[in-house]
Amino acid sequence: MASRMTIPLPRVLRAGGAAEYAGYKTAKDFQRAVACGEMPPGFDHAGGDAWDRLEIDDAIDLLKSATKRNYRWQEQGAHRV
């Protein structure tokens, strides 16, 4: 049986990798999410813009919790009619 080598995800991602990691179709879509505050801003790393994978994880967690709150609000509103 052949062993499979796993390569850990890098902590620092460029726009394309950050977009893919966060589930955006393109780097431009990811940059729009950064501009509106949905995703964290980049930082200068090795002469270019970069994103911390853990900050992207935190932003996704916030988006998930906001979505859950919206669902609960919609469910509660439906019962008040």
C-alpha atoms as a PDB file:
ATOM      1  CA  MET A   1       0.000   0.000   0.000  1.00  0.00           C
ATOM      2  CA  ALA A   2       1.459   3.358  -1.003  1.00  0.00           C
ATOM      3  CA  SER A   3       1.630   6.004   1.679  1.00  0.00           C
ATOM      4  CA  ARG A   4       0.074   9.358   0.953  1.00  0.00           C
ATOM      5  CA  MET A   5       1.992  12.462   1.826  1.00  0.00           C
ATOM      6  CA  THR A   6      -0.088  15.309   3.130  1.00  0.00           C
ATOM      7  CA  ILE A   7       1.119  18.850   2.746  1.00  0.00           C
ATOM      8  CA  PRO A   8      -0.129  21.242   5.400  1.00  0.00           C
ATOM      9  CA  LEU A   9      -1.941  24.362   4.289  1.00  0.00           C
ATOM     10  CA  PRO A  10       0.241  27.443   4.380  1.00  0.00           C
ATOM     11  CA  ARG A  11      -0.643  30.009   7.015  1.00  0.00           C
ATOM     12  CA  VAL A  12      -0.051  32.938   4.658  1.00  0.00           C
ATOM     13  CA  LEU A  13      -2.028  33.057   1.421  1.00  0.00           C
ATOM     14  CA  ARG A  14      -1.965  35.355  -1.609  1.00  0.00           C
ATOM     15  CA  ALA A  15      -5.266  36.670  -3.002  1.00  0.00           C
ATOM     16  CA  GLY A  16      -5.873  33.701  -5.301  1.00  0.00           C
ATOM     17  CA  GLY A  17      -5.182  31.134  -2.595  1.00  0.00           C
ATOM     18  CA  ALA A  18      -7.176  33.101  -0.025  1.00  0.00           C
ATOM     19  CA  ALA A  19     -10.118  33.279  -2.425  1.00  0.00           C
ATOM     20  CA  GLU A  20     -10.017  29.557  -3.065  1.00  0.00           C
ATOM     21  CA  TYR A  21      -9.610  28.765   0.637  1.00  0.00           C
ATOM     22  CA  ALA A  22     -12.575  30.964   1.585  1.00  0.00           C
ATOM     23  CA  GLY A  23     -14.778  29.589  -1.195  1.00  0.00           C
ATOM     24  CA  TYR A  24     -14.873  32.564  -3.562  1.00  0.00           C
ATOM     25  CA  LYS A  25     -14.895  31.924  -7.300  1.00  0.00           C
ATOM     26  CA  THR A  26     -12.208  34.464  -8.107  1.00  0.00           C
ATOM     27  CA  ALA A  27      -9.578  36.618  -6.437  1.00  0.00           C
ATOM     28  CA  LYS A  28     -11.622  39.641  -7.546  1.00  0.00           C
ATOM     29  CA  ASP A  29     -14.667  38.324  -5.648  1.00  0.00           C
ATOM     30  CA  PHE A  30     -12.472  37.837  -2.595  1.00  0.00           C
ATOM     31  CA  GLN A  31     -11.098  41.387  -2.932  1.00  0.00           C
ATOM     32  CA  ARG A  32     -14.694  42.692  -3.007  1.00  0.00           C
ATOM     33  CA  ALA A  33     -15.403  40.781   0.202  1.00  0.00           C
ATOM     34  CA  VAL A  34     -12.326  42.397   1.748  1.00  0.00           C
ATOM     35  CA  ALA A  35     -13.434  45.852   0.589  1.00  0.00           C
ATOM     36  CA  CYS A  36     -16.879  45.485   2.178  1.00  0.00           C
ATOM     37  CA  GLY A  37     -15.475  44.069   5.426  1.00  0.00           C
ATOM     38  CA  GLU A  38     -16.753  40.532   4.983  1.00  0.00           C
ATOM     39  CA  MET A  39     -13.179  39.203   4.842  1.00  0.00           C
ATOM     40  CA  PRO A  40     -10.141  40.531   6.735  1.00  0.00           C
ATOM     41  CA  PRO A  41      -7.769  43.009   5.142  1.00  0.00           C
ATOM     42  CA  GLY A  42      -4.493  41.793   3.762  1.00  0.00           C
ATOM     43  CA  PHE A  43      -1.082  42.700   5.098  1.00  0.00           C
ATOM     44  CA  ASP A  44       2.291  43.253   3.476  1.00  0.00           C
ATOM     45  CA  HIS A  45       4.317  40.055   3.421  1.00  0.00           C
ATOM     46  CA  ALA A  46       7.428  39.424   1.354  1.00  0.00           C
ATOM     47  CA  GLY A  47       6.663  42.366  -0.899  1.00  0.00           C
ATOM     48  CA  GLY A  48       3.010  41.653  -1.637  1.00  0.00           C
ATOM     49  CA  ASP A  49      -0.481  41.497  -0.195  1.00  0.00           C
ATOM     50  CA  ALA A  50      -1.166  38.397   1.860  1.00  0.00           C
ATOM     51  CA  TRP A  51      -3.857  37.008   4.172  1.00  0.00           C
ATOM     52  CA  ASP A  52      -3.592  35.001   7.353  1.00  0.00           C
ATOM     53  CA  ARG A  53      -5.544  31.753   6.965  1.00  0.00           C
ATOM     54  CA  LEU A  54      -6.591  31.866  10.627  1.00  0.00           C
ATOM     55  CA  GLU A  55      -8.095  35.350  10.192  1.00  0.00           C
ATOM     56  CA  ILE A  56     -10.055  34.040   7.211  1.00  0.00           C
ATOM     57  CA  ASP A  57     -11.311  31.199   9.431  1.00  0.00           C
ATOM     58  CA  ASP A  58     -12.453  33.763  12.028  1.00  0.00           C
ATOM     59  CA  ALA A  59     -14.272  35.797   9.360  1.00  0.00           C
ATOM     60  CA  ILE A  60     -16.046  32.685   8.092  1.00  0.00           C
ATOM     61  CA  ASP A  61     -17.088  31.806  11.652  1.00  0.00           C
ATOM     62  CA  LEU A  62     -18.590  35.299  12.021  1.00  0.00           C
ATOM     63  CA  LEU A  63     -20.472  34.920   8.752  1.00  0.00           C
ATOM     64  CA  LYS A  64     -21.831  31.557   9.879  1.00  0.00           C
ATOM     65  CA  SER A  65     -23.001  32.898  13.229  1.00  0.00           C
ATOM     66  CA  ALA A  66     -24.709  35.886  11.541  1.00  0.00           C
ATOM     67  CA  THR A  67     -26.505  33.507   9.188  1.00  0.00           C
ATOM     68  CA  LYS A  68     -27.700  31.390  12.103  1.00  0.00           C
ATOM     69  CA  ARG A  69     -29.042  34.506  13.867  1.00  0.00           C
ATOM     70  CA  ASN A  70     -30.912  35.512  10.697  1.00  0.00           C
ATOM     71  CA  TYR A  71     -32.489  32.069  10.399  1.00  0.00           C
ATOM     72  CA  ARG A  72     -33.651  32.177  14.014  1.00  0.00           C
ATOM     73  CA  TRP A  73     -35.072  35.660  13.489  1.00  0.00           C
ATOM     74  CA  GLN A  74     -36.997  34.501  10.404  1.00  0.00           C
ATOM     75  CA  GLU A  75     -38.369  31.479  12.258  1.00  0.00           C
ATOM     76  CA  GLN A  76     -39.519  33.630  15.186  1.00  0.00           C
ATOM     77  CA  GLY A  77     -41.108  36.180  12.840  1.00  0.00           C
ATOM     78  CA  ALA A  78     -43.100  33.489  11.072  1.00  0.00           C
ATOM     79  CA  HIS A  79     -44.791  32.487  14.351  1.00  0.00           C
ATOM     80  CA  ARG A  80     -45.964  36.025  15.112  1.00  0.00           C
ATOM     81  CA  VAL A  81     -48.333  36.280  12.156  1.00  0.00           C
END
